[in-house]
Amino acid sequence: MSSDCLFCRIVAGTIPAKRVYEDDLCLCFADIHPQAPTHLLIVPREHIASTAHAEQTHAPLLGHMVGKAAEVARSAGLDRGYGIVINTGDDGGQTVDHLHLHLLGGRHMTWPPG
C-alpha cells in the first residue's frame, strides 16, 4: 500500500467508493467520472503503479482481474458487449498511478478510443 495513492486509500477504506465486487486480490468500484453508462474500475489490492511496472509474477493477478471484469460484466447485464481498457503512463491516458482496468459498457463503443 502507498499512503499517497488514491486507489490504495480506496482499497483501505479511508476514501469511500461505490464498491461492486471485492475479494482478497482486487476491488471493483464505480468510476466517479463515468465515460459510459457502466464504467467500473478493477484495481489490485497490491500497489502496482502501472502495467509498465508489472512483473511476470503478477500474471496470475492480472488474469484474475480480467476474469473478474468478465464476471462483473455478466452481472451488470452487458451481454451486448463491453470494453476493458488499461491506460499506462501519461501518453497512455493514465491519471492515477495504480494499475487498474476500466470496464466500460452500456452503449456502443467506437474505435479508435482517443
N, C-alpha and C. Protein backbone atom coordinates (compact mmCIF):
# COMPACT_ATOMS: atom_id res chain seq x y z
N MET A 1 0.84 -1.19 0.00
CA MET A 1 0.00 0.00 0.00
C MET A 1 0.88 1.25 0.00
N SER A 2 0.40 2.24 -0.69
CA SER A 2 1.06 3.53 -0.72
C SER A 2 0.10 4.55 -0.12
N SER A 3 0.51 5.20 0.95
CA SER A 3 -0.39 6.11 1.67
C SER A 3 -0.77 7.34 0.85
N ASP A 4 0.00 7.68 -0.18
CA ASP A 4 -0.34 8.83 -1.00
C ASP A 4 -1.07 8.45 -2.29
N CYS A 5 -1.42 7.18 -2.44
CA CYS A 5 -2.11 6.70 -3.64
C CYS A 5 -3.63 6.69 -3.42
N LEU A 6 -4.35 7.36 -4.30
CA LEU A 6 -5.81 7.43 -4.21
C LEU A 6 -6.44 6.04 -4.16
N PHE A 7 -6.04 5.15 -5.07
CA PHE A 7 -6.66 3.82 -5.12
C PHE A 7 -6.26 2.97 -3.93
N CYS A 8 -5.06 3.12 -3.41
CA CYS A 8 -4.69 2.40 -2.18
C CYS A 8 -5.57 2.85 -1.02
N ARG A 9 -5.89 4.12 -0.98
CA ARG A 9 -6.75 4.64 0.09
C ARG A 9 -8.19 4.15 -0.08
N ILE A 10 -8.65 3.99 -1.33
CA ILE A 10 -9.97 3.40 -1.56
C ILE A 10 -9.96 1.94 -1.12
N VAL A 11 -8.92 1.19 -1.50
CA VAL A 11 -8.80 -0.21 -1.09
C VAL A 11 -8.83 -0.32 0.44
N ALA A 12 -8.12 0.58 1.12
CA ALA A 12 -8.04 0.56 2.58
C ALA A 12 -9.34 1.01 3.24
N GLY A 13 -10.23 1.66 2.48
CA GLY A 13 -11.49 2.12 3.03
C GLY A 13 -11.43 3.51 3.63
N THR A 14 -10.31 4.22 3.49
CA THR A 14 -10.22 5.57 4.03
C THR A 14 -10.84 6.62 3.12
N ILE A 15 -11.07 6.25 1.86
CA ILE A 15 -11.83 7.08 0.92
C ILE A 15 -13.00 6.22 0.46
N PRO A 16 -14.22 6.75 0.55
CA PRO A 16 -15.38 5.95 0.16
C PRO A 16 -15.46 5.75 -1.36
N ALA A 17 -16.05 4.64 -1.74
CA ALA A 17 -16.31 4.33 -3.15
C ALA A 17 -17.52 3.41 -3.21
N LYS A 18 -18.21 3.45 -4.33
CA LYS A 18 -19.35 2.55 -4.55
C LYS A 18 -18.79 1.20 -4.99
N ARG A 19 -18.58 0.31 -4.02
CA ARG A 19 -17.97 -0.98 -4.28
C ARG A 19 -18.98 -1.93 -4.92
N VAL A 20 -18.53 -2.60 -5.98
CA VAL A 20 -19.38 -3.53 -6.72
C VAL A 20 -18.96 -4.96 -6.43
N TYR A 21 -17.67 -5.17 -6.27
CA TYR A 21 -17.12 -6.50 -6.02
C TYR A 21 -15.78 -6.34 -5.30
N GLU A 22 -15.46 -7.29 -4.42
CA GLU A 22 -14.13 -7.32 -3.85
C GLU A 22 -13.80 -8.72 -3.36
N ASP A 23 -12.52 -9.04 -3.41
CA ASP A 23 -12.01 -10.28 -2.87
C ASP A 23 -10.62 -10.00 -2.31
N ASP A 24 -9.87 -11.03 -2.01
CA ASP A 24 -8.57 -10.83 -1.39
C ASP A 24 -7.51 -10.29 -2.35
N LEU A 25 -7.79 -10.28 -3.66
CA LEU A 25 -6.81 -9.81 -4.64
C LEU A 25 -7.16 -8.47 -5.28
N CYS A 26 -8.46 -8.20 -5.44
CA CYS A 26 -8.84 -6.99 -6.16
C CYS A 26 -10.15 -6.40 -5.65
N LEU A 27 -10.40 -5.20 -6.11
CA LEU A 27 -11.60 -4.45 -5.75
C LEU A 27 -12.17 -3.83 -7.01
N CYS A 28 -13.48 -3.84 -7.15
CA CYS A 28 -14.16 -3.24 -8.28
C CYS A 28 -15.12 -2.18 -7.75
N PHE A 29 -15.03 -0.98 -8.31
CA PHE A 29 -15.90 0.11 -7.85
C PHE A 29 -16.24 1.03 -9.02
N ALA A 30 -17.28 1.84 -8.83
CA ALA A 30 -17.76 2.75 -9.87
C ALA A 30 -16.79 3.91 -10.05
N ASP A 31 -16.53 4.26 -11.31
CA ASP A 31 -15.70 5.42 -11.62
C ASP A 31 -16.50 6.68 -11.28
N ILE A 32 -15.85 7.67 -10.67
CA ILE A 32 -16.58 8.90 -10.30
C ILE A 32 -16.78 9.85 -11.49
N HIS A 33 -16.11 9.58 -12.62
CA HIS A 33 -16.29 10.36 -13.84
C HIS A 33 -16.59 9.39 -14.98
N PRO A 34 -17.78 8.78 -14.96
CA PRO A 34 -18.08 7.72 -15.94
C PRO A 34 -18.07 8.22 -17.38
N GLN A 35 -17.49 7.38 -18.24
CA GLN A 35 -17.42 7.67 -19.67
C GLN A 35 -18.40 6.80 -20.46
N ALA A 36 -19.20 6.02 -19.77
CA ALA A 36 -20.21 5.15 -20.38
C ALA A 36 -21.26 4.88 -19.30
N PRO A 37 -22.45 4.41 -19.69
CA PRO A 37 -23.47 4.11 -18.68
C PRO A 37 -22.96 3.18 -17.57
N THR A 38 -22.14 2.20 -17.94
CA THR A 38 -21.44 1.37 -16.95
C THR A 38 -19.96 1.68 -17.08
N HIS A 39 -19.37 2.19 -16.03
CA HIS A 39 -17.92 2.47 -16.02
C HIS A 39 -17.40 2.11 -14.64
N LEU A 40 -16.78 0.95 -14.59
CA LEU A 40 -16.25 0.44 -13.33
C LEU A 40 -14.74 0.31 -13.43
N LEU A 41 -14.08 0.39 -12.29
CA LEU A 41 -12.63 0.21 -12.21
C LEU A 41 -12.34 -1.04 -11.41
N ILE A 42 -11.41 -1.83 -11.89
CA ILE A 42 -10.95 -3.02 -11.16
C ILE A 42 -9.49 -2.76 -10.82
N VAL A 43 -9.18 -2.71 -9.53
CA VAL A 43 -7.82 -2.41 -9.07
C VAL A 43 -7.30 -3.56 -8.23
N PRO A 44 -6.00 -3.85 -8.33
CA PRO A 44 -5.42 -4.84 -7.43
C PRO A 44 -5.26 -4.24 -6.04
N ARG A 45 -5.39 -5.04 -5.03
CA ARG A 45 -5.14 -4.56 -3.67
C ARG A 45 -3.66 -4.20 -3.49
N GLU A 46 -2.82 -4.92 -4.17
CA GLU A 46 -1.38 -4.64 -4.15
C GLU A 46 -1.11 -3.39 -4.99
N HIS A 47 -0.28 -2.51 -4.49
CA HIS A 47 0.06 -1.32 -5.26
C HIS A 47 1.08 -1.68 -6.34
N ILE A 48 0.63 -1.55 -7.59
CA ILE A 48 1.49 -1.68 -8.76
C ILE A 48 1.21 -0.40 -9.55
N ALA A 49 2.21 0.39 -9.82
CA ALA A 49 1.99 1.70 -10.42
C ALA A 49 1.31 1.63 -11.79
N SER A 50 1.69 0.69 -12.63
CA SER A 50 1.10 0.57 -13.97
C SER A 50 1.53 -0.76 -14.57
N THR A 51 1.04 -1.05 -15.77
CA THR A 51 1.49 -2.27 -16.43
C THR A 51 2.98 -2.20 -16.74
N ALA A 52 3.52 -1.00 -16.88
CA ALA A 52 4.97 -0.85 -17.10
C ALA A 52 5.78 -1.33 -15.89
N HIS A 53 5.13 -1.39 -14.74
CA HIS A 53 5.79 -1.83 -13.51
C HIS A 53 5.43 -3.27 -13.14
N ALA A 54 4.56 -3.89 -13.91
CA ALA A 54 4.16 -5.27 -13.63
C ALA A 54 5.29 -6.23 -13.98
N GLU A 55 5.40 -7.27 -13.21
CA GLU A 55 6.41 -8.31 -13.42
C GLU A 55 5.70 -9.59 -13.86
N GLN A 56 6.46 -10.54 -14.35
CA GLN A 56 5.89 -11.84 -14.73
C GLN A 56 5.16 -12.48 -13.55
N THR A 57 5.63 -12.23 -12.34
CA THR A 57 4.99 -12.80 -11.15
C THR A 57 3.58 -12.24 -10.93
N HIS A 58 3.25 -11.13 -11.58
CA HIS A 58 1.91 -10.55 -11.46
C HIS A 58 0.91 -11.17 -12.43
N ALA A 59 1.37 -12.05 -13.32
CA ALA A 59 0.48 -12.62 -14.34
C ALA A 59 -0.77 -13.27 -13.74
N PRO A 60 -0.68 -14.07 -12.67
CA PRO A 60 -1.90 -14.64 -12.10
C PRO A 60 -2.87 -13.56 -11.58
N LEU A 61 -2.34 -12.50 -10.99
CA LEU A 61 -3.18 -11.41 -10.50
C LEU A 61 -3.87 -10.71 -11.66
N LEU A 62 -3.14 -10.41 -12.72
CA LEU A 62 -3.74 -9.74 -13.88
C LEU A 62 -4.80 -10.61 -14.53
N GLY A 63 -4.55 -11.90 -14.63
CA GLY A 63 -5.55 -12.82 -15.17
C GLY A 63 -6.79 -12.87 -14.30
N HIS A 64 -6.59 -12.85 -13.00
CA HIS A 64 -7.71 -12.84 -12.05
C HIS A 64 -8.56 -11.58 -12.26
N MET A 65 -7.90 -10.45 -12.45
CA MET A 65 -8.63 -9.18 -12.63
C MET A 65 -9.44 -9.20 -13.92
N VAL A 66 -8.90 -9.73 -14.99
CA VAL A 66 -9.64 -9.80 -16.25
C VAL A 66 -10.83 -10.75 -16.10
N GLY A 67 -10.61 -11.87 -15.44
CA GLY A 67 -11.71 -12.80 -15.19
C GLY A 67 -12.82 -12.18 -14.36
N LYS A 68 -12.45 -11.41 -13.34
CA LYS A 68 -13.45 -10.73 -12.51
C LYS A 68 -14.17 -9.66 -13.30
N ALA A 69 -13.46 -8.98 -14.21
CA ALA A 69 -14.11 -7.98 -15.06
C ALA A 69 -15.20 -8.64 -15.90
N ALA A 70 -14.91 -9.81 -16.46
CA ALA A 70 -15.91 -10.54 -17.25
C ALA A 70 -17.10 -10.96 -16.38
N GLU A 71 -16.81 -11.42 -15.18
CA GLU A 71 -17.86 -11.83 -14.25
C GLU A 71 -18.75 -10.65 -13.87
N VAL A 72 -18.15 -9.51 -13.56
CA VAL A 72 -18.90 -8.30 -13.21
C VAL A 72 -19.71 -7.83 -14.42
N ALA A 73 -19.13 -7.90 -15.62
CA ALA A 73 -19.86 -7.50 -16.83
C ALA A 73 -21.11 -8.35 -17.02
N ARG A 74 -20.98 -9.66 -16.80
CA ARG A 74 -22.17 -10.53 -16.90
C ARG A 74 -23.21 -10.13 -15.86
N SER A 75 -22.77 -9.88 -14.65
CA SER A 75 -23.70 -9.47 -13.57
C SER A 75 -24.38 -8.14 -13.88
N ALA A 76 -23.67 -7.27 -14.60
CA ALA A 76 -24.22 -5.95 -14.94
C ALA A 76 -25.09 -6.00 -16.19
N GLY A 77 -25.24 -7.18 -16.80
CA GLY A 77 -26.10 -7.32 -17.98
C GLY A 77 -25.49 -6.77 -19.26
N LEU A 78 -24.18 -6.74 -19.34
CA LEU A 78 -23.53 -6.21 -20.53
C LEU A 78 -23.37 -7.28 -21.61
N ASP A 79 -24.48 -7.96 -21.92
CA ASP A 79 -24.45 -9.08 -22.86
C ASP A 79 -24.25 -8.65 -24.31
N ARG A 80 -24.41 -7.37 -24.63
CA ARG A 80 -24.17 -6.88 -26.00
C ARG A 80 -22.70 -6.52 -26.21
N GLY A 81 -21.93 -6.53 -25.15
CA GLY A 81 -20.51 -6.24 -25.27
C GLY A 81 -20.05 -5.17 -24.31
N TYR A 82 -18.75 -5.06 -24.18
CA TYR A 82 -18.13 -4.08 -23.29
C TYR A 82 -16.66 -3.96 -23.67
N GLY A 83 -16.04 -2.94 -23.13
CA GLY A 83 -14.60 -2.76 -23.34
C GLY A 83 -13.86 -2.86 -22.02
N ILE A 84 -12.66 -3.42 -22.10
CA ILE A 84 -11.75 -3.43 -20.97
C ILE A 84 -10.52 -2.66 -21.42
N VAL A 85 -10.20 -1.60 -20.70
CA VAL A 85 -9.11 -0.71 -21.09
C VAL A 85 -8.12 -0.60 -19.94
N ILE A 86 -6.83 -0.65 -20.27
CA ILE A 86 -5.78 -0.39 -19.30
C ILE A 86 -4.93 0.75 -19.87
N ASN A 87 -4.94 1.90 -19.23
CA ASN A 87 -4.11 3.01 -19.64
C ASN A 87 -2.78 2.92 -18.89
N THR A 88 -1.68 3.23 -19.58
CA THR A 88 -0.36 3.15 -18.96
C THR A 88 0.43 4.41 -19.27
N GLY A 89 0.83 5.11 -18.22
CA GLY A 89 1.65 6.31 -18.38
C GLY A 89 0.87 7.51 -18.86
N ASP A 90 1.53 8.66 -18.84
CA ASP A 90 0.89 9.92 -19.24
C ASP A 90 0.36 9.88 -20.66
N ASP A 91 1.18 9.43 -21.61
CA ASP A 91 0.73 9.39 -23.00
C ASP A 91 -0.35 8.35 -23.23
N GLY A 92 -0.43 7.36 -22.35
CA GLY A 92 -1.46 6.33 -22.45
C GLY A 92 -2.76 6.73 -21.78
N GLY A 93 -2.79 7.92 -21.16
CA GLY A 93 -4.01 8.40 -20.53
C GLY A 93 -4.19 8.00 -19.08
N GLN A 94 -3.16 7.43 -18.44
CA GLN A 94 -3.28 7.03 -17.04
C GLN A 94 -3.23 8.27 -16.15
N THR A 95 -4.24 8.42 -15.30
CA THR A 95 -4.30 9.59 -14.41
C THR A 95 -4.06 9.24 -12.95
N VAL A 96 -4.17 7.99 -12.57
CA VAL A 96 -3.87 7.54 -11.21
C VAL A 96 -2.78 6.48 -11.32
N ASP A 97 -1.69 6.69 -10.62
CA ASP A 97 -0.55 5.77 -10.69
C ASP A 97 -0.76 4.54 -9.82
N HIS A 98 -1.76 3.77 -10.19
CA HIS A 98 -2.08 2.48 -9.57
C HIS A 98 -2.75 1.69 -10.69
N LEU A 99 -2.16 0.60 -11.10
CA LEU A 99 -2.70 -0.19 -12.19
C LEU A 99 -4.19 -0.42 -11.99
N HIS A 100 -4.97 -0.26 -13.05
CA HIS A 100 -6.41 -0.50 -12.97
C HIS A 100 -6.99 -0.79 -14.35
N LEU A 101 -8.05 -1.58 -14.36
CA LEU A 101 -8.81 -1.87 -15.56
C LEU A 101 -10.05 -1.00 -15.56
N HIS A 102 -10.38 -0.43 -16.71
CA HIS A 102 -11.66 0.24 -16.90
C HIS A 102 -12.59 -0.77 -17.57
N LEU A 103 -13.75 -0.99 -17.01
CA LEU A 103 -14.79 -1.81 -17.61
C LEU A 103 -15.88 -0.85 -18.07
N LEU A 104 -16.05 -0.74 -19.39
CA LEU A 104 -16.97 0.23 -19.98
C LEU A 104 -18.03 -0.49 -20.80
N GLY A 105 -19.28 -0.12 -20.59
CA GLY A 105 -20.35 -0.75 -21.35
C GLY A 105 -21.66 0.01 -21.24
N GLY A 106 -22.68 -0.56 -21.85
CA GLY A 106 -24.00 0.05 -21.80
C GLY A 106 -24.28 0.97 -22.98
N ARG A 107 -23.33 1.07 -23.90
CA ARG A 107 -23.52 1.83 -25.14
C ARG A 107 -22.54 1.27 -26.16
N HIS A 108 -22.73 1.65 -27.42
CA HIS A 108 -21.82 1.22 -28.48
C HIS A 108 -20.50 1.97 -28.32
N MET A 109 -19.40 1.23 -28.29
CA MET A 109 -18.08 1.82 -28.18
C MET A 109 -17.51 2.03 -29.59
N THR A 110 -16.65 3.01 -29.73
CA THR A 110 -16.05 3.29 -31.03
C THR A 110 -14.55 3.03 -30.97
N TRP A 111 -13.96 2.90 -32.15
CA TRP A 111 -12.52 2.69 -32.25
C TRP A 111 -11.98 3.59 -33.35
N PRO A 112 -10.88 4.24 -33.18
CA PRO A 112 -10.01 4.20 -32.01
C PRO A 112 -10.58 5.05 -30.88
N PRO A 113 -10.18 4.73 -29.64
CA PRO A 113 -10.75 5.40 -28.48
C PRO A 113 -10.25 6.82 -28.28
N GLY A 114 -9.08 7.19 -28.71
CA GLY A 114 -8.58 8.53 -28.42
C GLY A 114 -7.64 8.96 -29.44
